[in-house]
């Protein structure tokens, strides 16, 4: 059994057993994984979600944002897809993690890492794309987020477990956050399965 931390790609590894994907990572994403290794940080955006982020970022202009930078893997995936002229703001409350992430984007004018609570991003919105973890409903519910996204802008929420029932169930109870995002009339939203054990919600503001 490999002693490589779960989620870290090794040379020649396939990125997921169920989906076609080139084995090579974008250079900026590989740099982010290297920083994660050095920091001993193992909670980060998985590659399947990252490739989705890069694809969506390629459709956006203006300013994109991320809540919870960690060591910058999600930000790196966004950066790998952005068009010329677009920029990314990402906020991380843990100063040591924010500092590690900032190293990845040294001299990169497209990315700014803020060592601050995500609420600081309210001063810089609205955004064309917003990436966030599916934390507590009070933090990432529709009402808390909608003013941070411009009309036609995209919200990406990850870290859901796929569910075939309606209403959606998680840990034996109704997943009210997922239900809210998939039914709010201010957004057009869909849940996308990115792996056998992971799904993501993509919501576009009307």
N, C-alpha and C. Protein backbone atom coordinates (compact mmCIF):
# COMPACT_ATOMS: atom_id res chain seq x y z
N UNK A 1 0.85 -1.20 0.00
CA UNK A 1 0.00 0.00 0.00
C UNK A 1 0.87 1.24 0.00
N UNK A 2 0.51 2.21 -0.82
CA UNK A 2 1.32 3.42 -0.93
C UNK A 2 1.26 4.24 0.35
N UNK A 3 2.38 4.87 0.71
CA UNK A 3 2.39 5.77 1.86
C UNK A 3 2.16 7.21 1.42
N UNK A 4 1.79 7.38 0.17
CA UNK A 4 1.50 8.73 -0.35
C UNK A 4 0.18 9.22 0.23
N UNK A 5 0.12 10.47 0.76
CA UNK A 5 -1.13 10.99 1.31
C UNK A 5 -2.26 10.91 0.29
N UNK A 6 -3.45 10.59 0.76
CA UNK A 6 -4.60 10.50 -0.13
C UNK A 6 -4.82 11.83 -0.82
N UNK A 7 -5.01 11.78 -2.14
CA UNK A 7 -5.29 13.00 -2.90
C UNK A 7 -4.08 13.57 -3.60
N UNK A 8 -2.88 13.23 -3.16
CA UNK A 8 -1.69 13.74 -3.81
C UNK A 8 -1.37 12.88 -5.02
N UNK A 9 -1.29 13.47 -6.20
CA UNK A 9 -0.98 12.68 -7.38
C UNK A 9 0.50 12.33 -7.45
N UNK A 10 0.81 11.18 -7.96
CA UNK A 10 2.20 10.80 -8.23
C UNK A 10 2.37 10.67 -9.73
N UNK A 11 3.60 10.76 -10.18
CA UNK A 11 3.87 10.66 -11.61
C UNK A 11 3.30 9.37 -12.17
N UNK A 12 2.48 9.49 -13.23
CA UNK A 12 1.92 8.32 -13.87
C UNK A 12 0.58 7.88 -13.33
N UNK A 13 0.12 8.47 -12.20
CA UNK A 13 -1.18 8.10 -11.64
C UNK A 13 -2.31 8.58 -12.53
N UNK A 14 -3.37 7.81 -12.59
CA UNK A 14 -4.60 8.28 -13.21
C UNK A 14 -5.32 9.17 -12.22
N UNK A 15 -5.94 10.24 -12.67
CA UNK A 15 -6.65 11.14 -11.79
C UNK A 15 -8.10 10.72 -11.72
N UNK A 16 -8.38 9.67 -10.98
CA UNK A 16 -9.73 9.18 -10.84
C UNK A 16 -9.91 7.91 -11.64
N UNK A 17 -10.60 6.94 -11.07
CA UNK A 17 -10.77 5.66 -11.72
C UNK A 17 -11.99 5.61 -12.62
N UNK A 18 -12.90 6.58 -12.50
CA UNK A 18 -14.17 6.49 -13.19
C UNK A 18 -14.30 7.46 -14.35
N UNK A 19 -13.42 8.42 -14.47
CA UNK A 19 -13.55 9.45 -15.48
C UNK A 19 -12.25 9.61 -16.26
N UNK A 20 -12.38 9.93 -17.53
CA UNK A 20 -11.20 10.17 -18.35
C UNK A 20 -10.57 11.49 -17.96
N UNK A 21 -9.27 11.49 -17.77
CA UNK A 21 -8.55 12.72 -17.45
C UNK A 21 -7.08 12.51 -17.75
N UNK A 22 -6.42 13.50 -18.35
CA UNK A 22 -4.98 13.38 -18.58
C UNK A 22 -4.26 13.20 -17.25
N UNK A 23 -3.21 12.40 -17.20
CA UNK A 23 -2.51 12.20 -15.92
C UNK A 23 -1.70 13.41 -15.48
N UNK A 24 -1.38 14.32 -16.41
CA UNK A 24 -0.56 15.47 -16.05
C UNK A 24 -1.42 16.55 -15.38
N UNK A 25 -0.83 17.20 -14.39
CA UNK A 25 -1.47 18.33 -13.74
C UNK A 25 -0.92 19.63 -14.32
N UNK A 26 -1.74 20.70 -14.37
CA UNK A 26 -1.18 22.01 -14.71
C UNK A 26 -0.05 22.36 -13.74
N UNK A 27 0.95 23.06 -14.24
CA UNK A 27 2.11 23.38 -13.41
C UNK A 27 1.72 24.10 -12.12
N UNK A 28 0.78 25.04 -12.22
CA UNK A 28 0.40 25.81 -11.04
C UNK A 28 -0.27 24.92 -10.00
N UNK A 29 -1.01 23.92 -10.44
CA UNK A 29 -1.65 22.99 -9.51
C UNK A 29 -0.61 22.09 -8.86
N UNK A 30 0.37 21.63 -9.62
CA UNK A 30 1.45 20.82 -9.04
C UNK A 30 2.20 21.60 -7.98
N UNK A 31 2.43 22.89 -8.23
CA UNK A 31 3.09 23.73 -7.24
C UNK A 31 2.26 23.81 -5.97
N UNK A 32 0.94 23.89 -6.11
CA UNK A 32 0.06 23.94 -4.93
C UNK A 32 0.13 22.65 -4.14
N UNK A 33 0.16 21.50 -4.82
CA UNK A 33 0.30 20.24 -4.12
C UNK A 33 1.63 20.17 -3.38
N UNK A 34 2.68 20.69 -3.98
CA UNK A 34 3.99 20.68 -3.33
C UNK A 34 3.95 21.51 -2.04
N UNK A 35 3.28 22.65 -2.09
CA UNK A 35 3.15 23.48 -0.90
C UNK A 35 2.35 22.76 0.17
N UNK A 36 1.29 22.06 -0.24
CA UNK A 36 0.50 21.29 0.72
C UNK A 36 1.35 20.24 1.42
N UNK A 37 2.18 19.55 0.66
CA UNK A 37 3.07 18.55 1.26
C UNK A 37 3.96 19.17 2.33
N UNK A 38 4.56 20.29 1.98
CA UNK A 38 5.49 20.95 2.89
C UNK A 38 4.78 21.42 4.16
N UNK A 39 3.51 21.83 4.01
CA UNK A 39 2.75 22.33 5.15
C UNK A 39 2.05 21.22 5.93
N UNK A 40 2.08 19.99 5.39
CA UNK A 40 1.39 18.89 6.04
C UNK A 40 -0.11 19.04 5.99
N UNK A 41 -0.61 19.72 4.97
CA UNK A 41 -2.04 20.03 4.85
C UNK A 41 -2.67 19.04 3.87
N UNK A 42 -3.74 18.35 4.29
CA UNK A 42 -4.31 17.31 3.44
C UNK A 42 -5.78 17.56 3.09
N UNK A 43 -6.35 18.67 3.50
CA UNK A 43 -7.74 18.98 3.16
C UNK A 43 -7.73 19.98 2.02
N UNK A 44 -8.08 19.52 0.83
CA UNK A 44 -8.01 20.40 -0.32
C UNK A 44 -8.97 19.94 -1.41
N UNK A 45 -9.16 20.80 -2.38
CA UNK A 45 -10.01 20.53 -3.53
C UNK A 45 -9.49 19.29 -4.28
N UNK A 46 -10.38 18.33 -4.52
CA UNK A 46 -9.97 17.13 -5.24
C UNK A 46 -9.85 17.43 -6.73
N UNK A 47 -9.09 16.61 -7.43
CA UNK A 47 -8.78 16.90 -8.83
C UNK A 47 -10.01 16.93 -9.72
N UNK A 48 -10.99 16.07 -9.46
CA UNK A 48 -12.19 16.07 -10.29
C UNK A 48 -12.91 17.41 -10.20
N UNK A 49 -13.02 17.93 -8.98
CA UNK A 49 -13.63 19.25 -8.80
C UNK A 49 -12.76 20.33 -9.41
N UNK A 50 -11.45 20.19 -9.26
CA UNK A 50 -10.53 21.18 -9.81
C UNK A 50 -10.65 21.32 -11.31
N UNK A 51 -10.77 20.22 -12.02
CA UNK A 51 -10.91 20.30 -13.47
C UNK A 51 -12.22 20.99 -13.85
N UNK A 52 -13.27 20.76 -13.06
CA UNK A 52 -14.52 21.47 -13.28
C UNK A 52 -14.34 22.96 -13.04
N UNK A 53 -13.64 23.33 -11.99
CA UNK A 53 -13.38 24.74 -11.70
C UNK A 53 -12.62 25.41 -12.84
N UNK A 54 -11.59 24.74 -13.34
CA UNK A 54 -10.80 25.32 -14.43
C UNK A 54 -11.67 25.55 -15.66
N UNK A 55 -12.54 24.60 -15.95
CA UNK A 55 -13.42 24.73 -17.11
C UNK A 55 -14.39 25.89 -16.96
N UNK A 56 -14.98 26.03 -15.77
CA UNK A 56 -15.90 27.13 -15.53
C UNK A 56 -15.17 28.48 -15.53
N UNK A 57 -13.97 28.50 -14.95
CA UNK A 57 -13.20 29.75 -14.91
C UNK A 57 -12.89 30.25 -16.31
N UNK A 58 -12.71 29.32 -17.24
CA UNK A 58 -12.40 29.72 -18.62
C UNK A 58 -13.57 30.43 -19.30
N UNK A 59 -14.77 30.34 -18.72
CA UNK A 59 -15.93 31.02 -19.29
C UNK A 59 -16.16 32.39 -18.67
N UNK A 60 -15.38 32.75 -17.68
CA UNK A 60 -15.64 33.95 -16.89
C UNK A 60 -14.64 35.06 -17.19
N UNK A 61 -15.09 36.29 -17.04
CA UNK A 61 -14.21 37.44 -17.03
C UNK A 61 -14.31 38.09 -15.67
N UNK A 62 -13.82 39.30 -15.53
CA UNK A 62 -13.96 40.02 -14.28
C UNK A 62 -13.21 39.38 -13.13
N UNK A 63 -13.83 39.40 -11.94
CA UNK A 63 -13.19 38.91 -10.73
C UNK A 63 -13.91 37.69 -10.19
N UNK A 64 -13.14 36.65 -9.89
CA UNK A 64 -13.65 35.44 -9.25
C UNK A 64 -13.15 35.40 -7.82
N UNK A 65 -13.82 34.59 -6.98
CA UNK A 65 -13.43 34.54 -5.58
C UNK A 65 -13.61 33.15 -5.02
N UNK A 66 -12.89 32.90 -3.91
CA UNK A 66 -12.95 31.61 -3.21
C UNK A 66 -12.97 31.86 -1.72
N UNK A 67 -13.84 31.15 -1.00
CA UNK A 67 -13.86 31.17 0.46
C UNK A 67 -13.05 29.98 0.95
N UNK A 68 -12.08 30.21 1.83
CA UNK A 68 -11.34 29.10 2.40
C UNK A 68 -10.26 28.58 1.47
N UNK A 69 -9.16 29.31 1.40
CA UNK A 69 -8.07 29.00 0.47
C UNK A 69 -7.36 27.71 0.80
N UNK A 70 -7.22 27.40 2.11
CA UNK A 70 -6.34 26.31 2.51
C UNK A 70 -4.93 26.63 2.04
N UNK A 71 -4.28 25.68 1.38
CA UNK A 71 -2.95 25.92 0.82
C UNK A 71 -3.00 26.26 -0.67
N UNK A 72 -4.18 26.54 -1.19
CA UNK A 72 -4.26 27.11 -2.53
C UNK A 72 -4.52 26.17 -3.68
N UNK A 73 -4.90 24.92 -3.42
CA UNK A 73 -5.12 23.98 -4.53
C UNK A 73 -6.32 24.41 -5.37
N UNK A 74 -7.44 24.74 -4.72
CA UNK A 74 -8.60 25.19 -5.47
C UNK A 74 -8.32 26.45 -6.26
N UNK A 75 -7.60 27.37 -5.64
CA UNK A 75 -7.22 28.61 -6.32
C UNK A 75 -6.35 28.31 -7.53
N UNK A 76 -5.44 27.36 -7.38
CA UNK A 76 -4.56 27.00 -8.49
C UNK A 76 -5.35 26.41 -9.66
N UNK A 77 -6.34 25.58 -9.35
CA UNK A 77 -7.19 25.05 -10.42
C UNK A 77 -7.94 26.18 -11.13
N UNK A 78 -8.48 27.12 -10.36
CA UNK A 78 -9.13 28.28 -10.99
C UNK A 78 -8.14 29.03 -11.88
N UNK A 79 -6.95 29.25 -11.33
CA UNK A 79 -5.93 30.02 -12.08
C UNK A 79 -5.56 29.33 -13.38
N UNK A 80 -5.58 28.00 -13.38
CA UNK A 80 -5.19 27.27 -14.58
C UNK A 80 -6.18 27.47 -15.73
N UNK A 81 -7.38 27.95 -15.40
CA UNK A 81 -8.38 28.12 -16.45
C UNK A 81 -8.73 29.55 -16.81
N UNK A 82 -8.28 30.53 -16.03
CA UNK A 82 -8.75 31.90 -16.24
C UNK A 82 -8.24 32.48 -17.56
N UNK A 83 -9.06 33.36 -18.11
CA UNK A 83 -8.70 34.07 -19.33
C UNK A 83 -7.89 35.31 -18.99
N UNK A 84 -7.23 35.86 -19.99
CA UNK A 84 -6.47 37.09 -19.79
C UNK A 84 -7.40 38.20 -19.31
N UNK A 85 -6.94 38.93 -18.30
CA UNK A 85 -7.71 40.05 -17.78
C UNK A 85 -8.57 39.71 -16.58
N UNK A 86 -8.84 38.43 -16.35
CA UNK A 86 -9.62 38.03 -15.18
C UNK A 86 -8.70 37.96 -13.97
N UNK A 87 -9.29 38.03 -12.78
CA UNK A 87 -8.49 37.93 -11.56
C UNK A 87 -9.23 37.11 -10.51
N UNK A 88 -8.47 36.66 -9.50
CA UNK A 88 -9.02 35.81 -8.46
C UNK A 88 -8.66 36.39 -7.09
N UNK A 89 -9.66 36.52 -6.23
CA UNK A 89 -9.44 36.86 -4.83
C UNK A 89 -9.79 35.62 -4.00
N UNK A 90 -8.95 35.29 -3.04
CA UNK A 90 -9.23 34.13 -2.20
C UNK A 90 -8.87 34.47 -0.76
N UNK A 91 -9.73 34.07 0.17
CA UNK A 91 -9.57 34.45 1.57
C UNK A 91 -9.39 33.21 2.45
N UNK A 92 -8.40 33.27 3.35
CA UNK A 92 -8.12 32.18 4.28
C UNK A 92 -7.86 32.77 5.66
N UNK A 93 -8.63 32.33 6.65
CA UNK A 93 -8.52 32.88 8.00
C UNK A 93 -7.21 32.50 8.67
N UNK A 94 -6.72 31.27 8.43
CA UNK A 94 -5.48 30.81 9.04
C UNK A 94 -4.30 31.50 8.35
N UNK A 95 -3.59 32.33 9.11
CA UNK A 95 -2.52 33.14 8.51
C UNK A 95 -1.39 32.29 7.95
N UNK A 96 -1.07 31.18 8.61
CA UNK A 96 0.02 30.35 8.12
C UNK A 96 -0.36 29.69 6.80
N UNK A 97 -1.59 29.24 6.68
CA UNK A 97 -2.04 28.65 5.42
C UNK A 97 -2.11 29.71 4.33
N UNK A 98 -2.62 30.87 4.68
CA UNK A 98 -2.69 31.96 3.69
C UNK A 98 -1.29 32.32 3.19
N UNK A 99 -0.32 32.35 4.10
CA UNK A 99 1.05 32.65 3.69
C UNK A 99 1.62 31.60 2.77
N UNK A 100 1.32 30.33 3.07
CA UNK A 100 1.80 29.25 2.21
C UNK A 100 1.17 29.35 0.83
N UNK A 101 -0.13 29.64 0.78
CA UNK A 101 -0.81 29.77 -0.51
C UNK A 101 -0.27 30.94 -1.30
N UNK A 102 0.02 32.04 -0.62
CA UNK A 102 0.51 33.23 -1.31
C UNK A 102 1.83 32.96 -2.02
N UNK A 103 2.63 32.02 -1.48
CA UNK A 103 3.90 31.69 -2.12
C UNK A 103 3.71 31.12 -3.53
N UNK A 104 2.60 30.42 -3.72
CA UNK A 104 2.34 29.80 -5.02
C UNK A 104 2.16 30.86 -6.10
N UNK A 105 1.60 32.00 -5.70
CA UNK A 105 1.21 33.01 -6.68
C UNK A 105 2.07 34.26 -6.61
N UNK A 106 3.27 34.09 -6.06
CA UNK A 106 4.21 35.21 -6.02
C UNK A 106 4.43 35.75 -7.44
N UNK A 107 4.32 37.06 -7.60
CA UNK A 107 4.51 37.72 -8.90
C UNK A 107 3.41 37.38 -9.91
N UNK A 108 2.31 36.82 -9.45
CA UNK A 108 1.16 36.55 -10.32
C UNK A 108 0.11 37.61 -10.06
N UNK A 109 -0.01 38.54 -10.98
CA UNK A 109 -0.94 39.65 -10.81
C UNK A 109 -2.40 39.27 -10.89
N UNK A 110 -2.68 38.02 -11.29
CA UNK A 110 -4.07 37.57 -11.42
C UNK A 110 -4.67 37.10 -10.11
N UNK A 111 -3.82 36.79 -9.12
CA UNK A 111 -4.30 36.17 -7.88
C UNK A 111 -3.88 37.00 -6.68
N UNK A 112 -4.84 37.22 -5.76
CA UNK A 112 -4.54 37.88 -4.49
C UNK A 112 -5.07 37.00 -3.36
N UNK A 113 -4.18 36.63 -2.44
CA UNK A 113 -4.55 35.82 -1.29
C UNK A 113 -4.69 36.73 -0.08
N UNK A 114 -5.86 36.71 0.55
CA UNK A 114 -6.13 37.55 1.70
C UNK A 114 -6.12 36.71 2.97
N UNK A 115 -5.32 37.10 3.95
CA UNK A 115 -5.31 36.42 5.25
C UNK A 115 -6.40 37.06 6.10
N UNK A 116 -7.62 36.57 5.91
CA UNK A 116 -8.78 37.20 6.56
C UNK A 116 -9.97 36.26 6.48
N UNK A 117 -10.97 36.55 7.30
CA UNK A 117 -12.23 35.83 7.22
C UNK A 117 -12.87 36.08 5.87
N UNK A 118 -13.64 35.09 5.38
CA UNK A 118 -14.23 35.20 4.05
C UNK A 118 -15.11 36.43 3.89
N UNK A 119 -15.63 36.96 5.00
CA UNK A 119 -16.54 38.10 4.91
C UNK A 119 -15.86 39.33 4.32
N UNK A 120 -14.53 39.37 4.33
CA UNK A 120 -13.82 40.51 3.74
C UNK A 120 -14.09 40.60 2.24
N UNK A 121 -14.45 39.48 1.63
CA UNK A 121 -14.72 39.49 0.19
C UNK A 121 -15.95 40.33 -0.16
N UNK A 122 -16.80 40.57 0.83
CA UNK A 122 -17.99 41.39 0.57
C UNK A 122 -17.60 42.79 0.09
N UNK A 123 -16.41 43.22 0.47
CA UNK A 123 -15.94 44.54 0.07
C UNK A 123 -15.50 44.58 -1.38
N UNK A 124 -15.36 43.42 -2.03
CA UNK A 124 -14.79 43.37 -3.37
C UNK A 124 -15.75 42.83 -4.44
N UNK A 125 -16.92 42.37 -4.02
CA UNK A 125 -17.87 41.79 -4.98
C UNK A 125 -18.64 42.85 -5.73
N UNK A 126 -19.58 42.45 -6.59
CA UNK A 126 -19.97 41.06 -6.85
C UNK A 126 -18.98 40.37 -7.78
N UNK A 127 -19.01 39.04 -7.77
CA UNK A 127 -18.04 38.24 -8.50
C UNK A 127 -18.70 37.49 -9.66
N UNK A 128 -17.88 37.17 -10.65
CA UNK A 128 -18.39 36.42 -11.80
C UNK A 128 -18.45 34.93 -11.52
N UNK A 129 -17.62 34.46 -10.57
CA UNK A 129 -17.63 33.06 -10.14
C UNK A 129 -17.22 33.04 -8.69
N UNK A 130 -17.90 32.22 -7.90
CA UNK A 130 -17.62 32.12 -6.48
C UNK A 130 -17.54 30.64 -6.10
N UNK A 131 -16.41 30.23 -5.53
CA UNK A 131 -16.19 28.83 -5.14
C UNK A 131 -16.14 28.74 -3.63
N UNK A 132 -16.95 27.84 -3.05
CA UNK A 132 -16.96 27.69 -1.61
C UNK A 132 -17.31 26.28 -1.21
N UNK A 133 -16.86 25.90 -0.01
CA UNK A 133 -17.21 24.60 0.55
C UNK A 133 -18.64 24.64 1.07
N UNK A 134 -19.26 23.47 1.12
CA UNK A 134 -20.64 23.39 1.60
C UNK A 134 -20.64 23.36 3.13
N UNK A 135 -20.26 24.50 3.72
CA UNK A 135 -20.23 24.61 5.17
C UNK A 135 -21.62 24.73 5.75
N UNK A 136 -21.76 25.39 6.88
CA UNK A 136 -23.07 25.51 7.52
C UNK A 136 -23.99 26.39 6.67
N UNK A 137 -25.30 26.10 6.66
CA UNK A 137 -26.24 26.89 5.86
C UNK A 137 -26.21 28.38 6.19
N UNK A 138 -25.92 28.72 7.44
CA UNK A 138 -25.91 30.14 7.81
C UNK A 138 -24.79 30.89 7.10
N UNK A 139 -23.72 30.19 6.73
CA UNK A 139 -22.59 30.84 6.07
C UNK A 139 -22.69 30.81 4.56
N UNK A 140 -23.20 29.72 4.00
CA UNK A 140 -23.18 29.58 2.54
C UNK A 140 -24.57 29.32 1.96
N UNK A 141 -25.60 29.67 2.70
CA UNK A 141 -26.95 29.60 2.16
C UNK A 141 -27.17 30.66 1.09
N UNK A 142 -28.23 30.52 0.33
CA UNK A 142 -28.50 31.43 -0.78
C UNK A 142 -28.58 32.88 -0.31
N UNK A 143 -29.29 33.15 0.76
CA UNK A 143 -29.46 34.53 1.22
C UNK A 143 -28.14 35.17 1.61
N UNK A 144 -27.21 34.37 2.15
CA UNK A 144 -25.92 34.90 2.57
C UNK A 144 -24.99 35.16 1.40
N UNK A 145 -25.24 34.52 0.27
CA UNK A 145 -24.31 34.55 -0.85
C UNK A 145 -24.78 35.37 -2.04
N UNK A 146 -26.08 35.50 -2.24
CA UNK A 146 -26.59 36.01 -3.50
C UNK A 146 -26.03 37.38 -3.89
N UNK A 147 -25.85 38.28 -2.94
CA UNK A 147 -25.35 39.61 -3.28
C UNK A 147 -23.86 39.61 -3.64
N UNK A 148 -23.18 38.49 -3.42
CA UNK A 148 -21.77 38.40 -3.78
C UNK A 148 -21.56 37.96 -5.23
N UNK A 149 -22.65 37.62 -5.91
CA UNK A 149 -22.56 37.11 -7.27
C UNK A 149 -23.30 38.04 -8.22
N UNK A 150 -22.66 38.40 -9.32
CA UNK A 150 -23.30 39.27 -10.29
C UNK A 150 -24.36 38.49 -11.08
N UNK A 151 -25.35 39.18 -11.67
CA UNK A 151 -26.30 38.48 -12.53
C UNK A 151 -25.58 37.70 -13.62
N UNK A 152 -25.94 36.44 -13.79
CA UNK A 152 -25.23 35.58 -14.72
C UNK A 152 -24.00 34.93 -14.13
N UNK A 153 -23.65 35.31 -12.89
CA UNK A 153 -22.48 34.74 -12.23
C UNK A 153 -22.76 33.34 -11.72
N UNK A 154 -21.69 32.60 -11.47
CA UNK A 154 -21.78 31.18 -11.09
C UNK A 154 -21.29 30.98 -9.66
N UNK A 155 -22.04 30.18 -8.91
CA UNK A 155 -21.62 29.72 -7.59
C UNK A 155 -21.32 28.23 -7.69
N UNK A 156 -20.17 27.81 -7.17
CA UNK A 156 -19.80 26.40 -7.13
C UNK A 156 -19.63 25.99 -5.68
N UNK A 157 -20.43 25.02 -5.24
CA UNK A 157 -20.33 24.49 -3.88
C UNK A 157 -19.90 23.03 -3.97
N UNK A 158 -18.85 22.66 -3.27
CA UNK A 158 -18.40 21.27 -3.35
C UNK A 158 -18.56 20.55 -2.01
N UNK A 159 -18.03 19.32 -1.97
CA UNK A 159 -18.05 18.49 -0.78
C UNK A 159 -19.44 17.95 -0.42
N UNK A 160 -20.24 17.65 -1.41
CA UNK A 160 -21.49 16.93 -1.17
C UNK A 160 -21.29 15.46 -1.49
N UNK A 161 -22.06 14.61 -0.83
CA UNK A 161 -22.11 13.19 -1.17
C UNK A 161 -23.28 12.98 -2.11
N UNK A 162 -23.09 12.26 -3.21
CA UNK A 162 -24.19 12.04 -4.15
C UNK A 162 -25.42 11.44 -3.45
N UNK A 163 -26.59 11.85 -3.89
CA UNK A 163 -27.84 11.38 -3.30
C UNK A 163 -28.89 11.29 -4.39
N UNK A 164 -29.59 10.15 -4.47
CA UNK A 164 -30.59 9.94 -5.51
C UNK A 164 -32.01 10.29 -5.05
N UNK A 165 -32.20 10.57 -3.77
CA UNK A 165 -33.55 10.80 -3.25
C UNK A 165 -33.91 12.29 -3.29
N UNK A 166 -35.19 12.54 -3.17
CA UNK A 166 -35.67 13.92 -2.99
C UNK A 166 -36.75 13.92 -1.91
N UNK A 167 -36.63 14.79 -0.90
CA UNK A 167 -35.53 15.73 -0.72
C UNK A 167 -34.21 15.01 -0.46
N UNK A 168 -33.10 15.70 -0.73
CA UNK A 168 -31.79 15.05 -0.54
C UNK A 168 -31.53 14.75 0.93
N UNK A 169 -30.93 13.61 1.18
CA UNK A 169 -30.63 13.17 2.55
C UNK A 169 -29.12 13.09 2.73
N UNK A 170 -28.65 13.59 3.87
CA UNK A 170 -27.23 13.46 4.24
C UNK A 170 -27.16 13.16 5.72
N UNK A 171 -26.42 12.12 6.08
CA UNK A 171 -26.24 11.73 7.47
C UNK A 171 -27.58 11.50 8.17
N UNK A 172 -28.54 10.91 7.43
CA UNK A 172 -29.80 10.52 8.01
C UNK A 172 -30.84 11.61 8.17
N UNK A 173 -30.56 12.79 7.62
CA UNK A 173 -31.53 13.88 7.72
C UNK A 173 -31.56 14.68 6.42
N UNK A 174 -32.60 15.48 6.25
CA UNK A 174 -32.72 16.27 5.02
C UNK A 174 -31.57 17.26 4.94
N UNK A 175 -30.92 17.29 3.78
CA UNK A 175 -29.83 18.23 3.53
C UNK A 175 -30.46 19.55 3.09
N UNK A 176 -30.74 20.41 4.05
CA UNK A 176 -31.47 21.64 3.75
C UNK A 176 -30.66 22.61 2.90
N UNK A 177 -29.33 22.59 3.05
CA UNK A 177 -28.51 23.49 2.23
C UNK A 177 -28.61 23.10 0.76
N UNK A 178 -28.46 21.84 0.47
CA UNK A 178 -28.54 21.37 -0.91
C UNK A 178 -29.95 21.63 -1.47
N UNK A 179 -30.96 21.33 -0.68
CA UNK A 179 -32.35 21.55 -1.11
C UNK A 179 -32.58 23.03 -1.45
N UNK A 180 -32.05 23.90 -0.61
CA UNK A 180 -32.21 25.34 -0.81
C UNK A 180 -31.60 25.80 -2.12
N UNK A 181 -30.35 25.38 -2.39
CA UNK A 181 -29.68 25.82 -3.60
C UNK A 181 -30.34 25.27 -4.86
N UNK A 182 -30.87 24.08 -4.78
CA UNK A 182 -31.46 23.46 -5.97
C UNK A 182 -32.88 23.93 -6.26
N UNK A 183 -33.49 24.66 -5.33
CA UNK A 183 -34.88 25.08 -5.53
C UNK A 183 -35.09 26.58 -5.53
N UNK A 184 -34.09 27.36 -5.14
CA UNK A 184 -34.28 28.81 -5.07
C UNK A 184 -34.47 29.39 -6.47
N UNK A 185 -35.53 30.15 -6.66
CA UNK A 185 -35.87 30.67 -8.00
C UNK A 185 -34.94 31.77 -8.47
N UNK A 186 -34.08 32.26 -7.61
CA UNK A 186 -33.13 33.30 -8.02
C UNK A 186 -31.91 32.70 -8.74
N UNK A 187 -31.80 31.37 -8.71
CA UNK A 187 -30.70 30.68 -9.36
C UNK A 187 -31.24 29.54 -10.22
N UNK A 188 -30.51 29.23 -11.27
CA UNK A 188 -30.70 27.98 -11.99
C UNK A 188 -29.55 27.08 -11.58
N UNK A 189 -29.88 25.92 -10.99
CA UNK A 189 -28.84 25.12 -10.36
C UNK A 189 -28.97 23.65 -10.73
N UNK A 190 -27.83 22.96 -10.67
CA UNK A 190 -27.78 21.53 -10.93
C UNK A 190 -26.72 20.90 -10.04
N UNK A 191 -26.98 19.67 -9.62
CA UNK A 191 -25.97 18.91 -8.89
C UNK A 191 -25.25 18.01 -9.88
N UNK A 192 -23.93 18.09 -9.89
CA UNK A 192 -23.11 17.33 -10.83
C UNK A 192 -22.25 16.35 -10.05
N UNK A 193 -22.32 15.09 -10.41
CA UNK A 193 -21.50 14.06 -9.77
C UNK A 193 -20.11 14.09 -10.41
N UNK A 194 -19.08 14.39 -9.61
CA UNK A 194 -17.72 14.46 -10.14
C UNK A 194 -16.93 13.19 -9.89
N UNK A 195 -17.42 12.35 -8.99
CA UNK A 195 -16.81 11.05 -8.69
C UNK A 195 -17.87 10.20 -8.02
N UNK A 196 -17.56 8.93 -7.82
CA UNK A 196 -18.55 8.03 -7.23
C UNK A 196 -18.97 8.48 -5.84
N UNK A 197 -18.10 9.19 -5.14
CA UNK A 197 -18.38 9.59 -3.77
C UNK A 197 -18.44 11.10 -3.59
N UNK A 198 -18.57 11.85 -4.67
CA UNK A 198 -18.53 13.31 -4.54
C UNK A 198 -19.40 13.98 -5.60
N UNK A 199 -20.09 15.02 -5.18
CA UNK A 199 -20.87 15.82 -6.12
C UNK A 199 -20.71 17.30 -5.79
N UNK A 200 -21.04 18.11 -6.77
CA UNK A 200 -20.87 19.56 -6.69
C UNK A 200 -22.13 20.23 -7.18
N UNK A 201 -22.52 21.32 -6.57
CA UNK A 201 -23.64 22.10 -7.07
C UNK A 201 -23.11 23.29 -7.84
N UNK A 202 -23.65 23.49 -9.04
CA UNK A 202 -23.33 24.65 -9.86
C UNK A 202 -24.61 25.45 -10.01
N UNK A 203 -24.57 26.71 -9.58
CA UNK A 203 -25.76 27.56 -9.60
C UNK A 203 -25.44 28.87 -10.31
N UNK A 204 -26.28 29.24 -11.26
CA UNK A 204 -26.10 30.48 -12.01
C UNK A 204 -27.18 31.47 -11.59
N UNK A 205 -26.77 32.65 -11.22
CA UNK A 205 -27.75 33.67 -10.78
C UNK A 205 -28.53 34.17 -11.99
N UNK A 206 -29.83 34.20 -11.84
CA UNK A 206 -30.69 34.68 -12.92
C UNK A 206 -30.53 36.18 -13.11
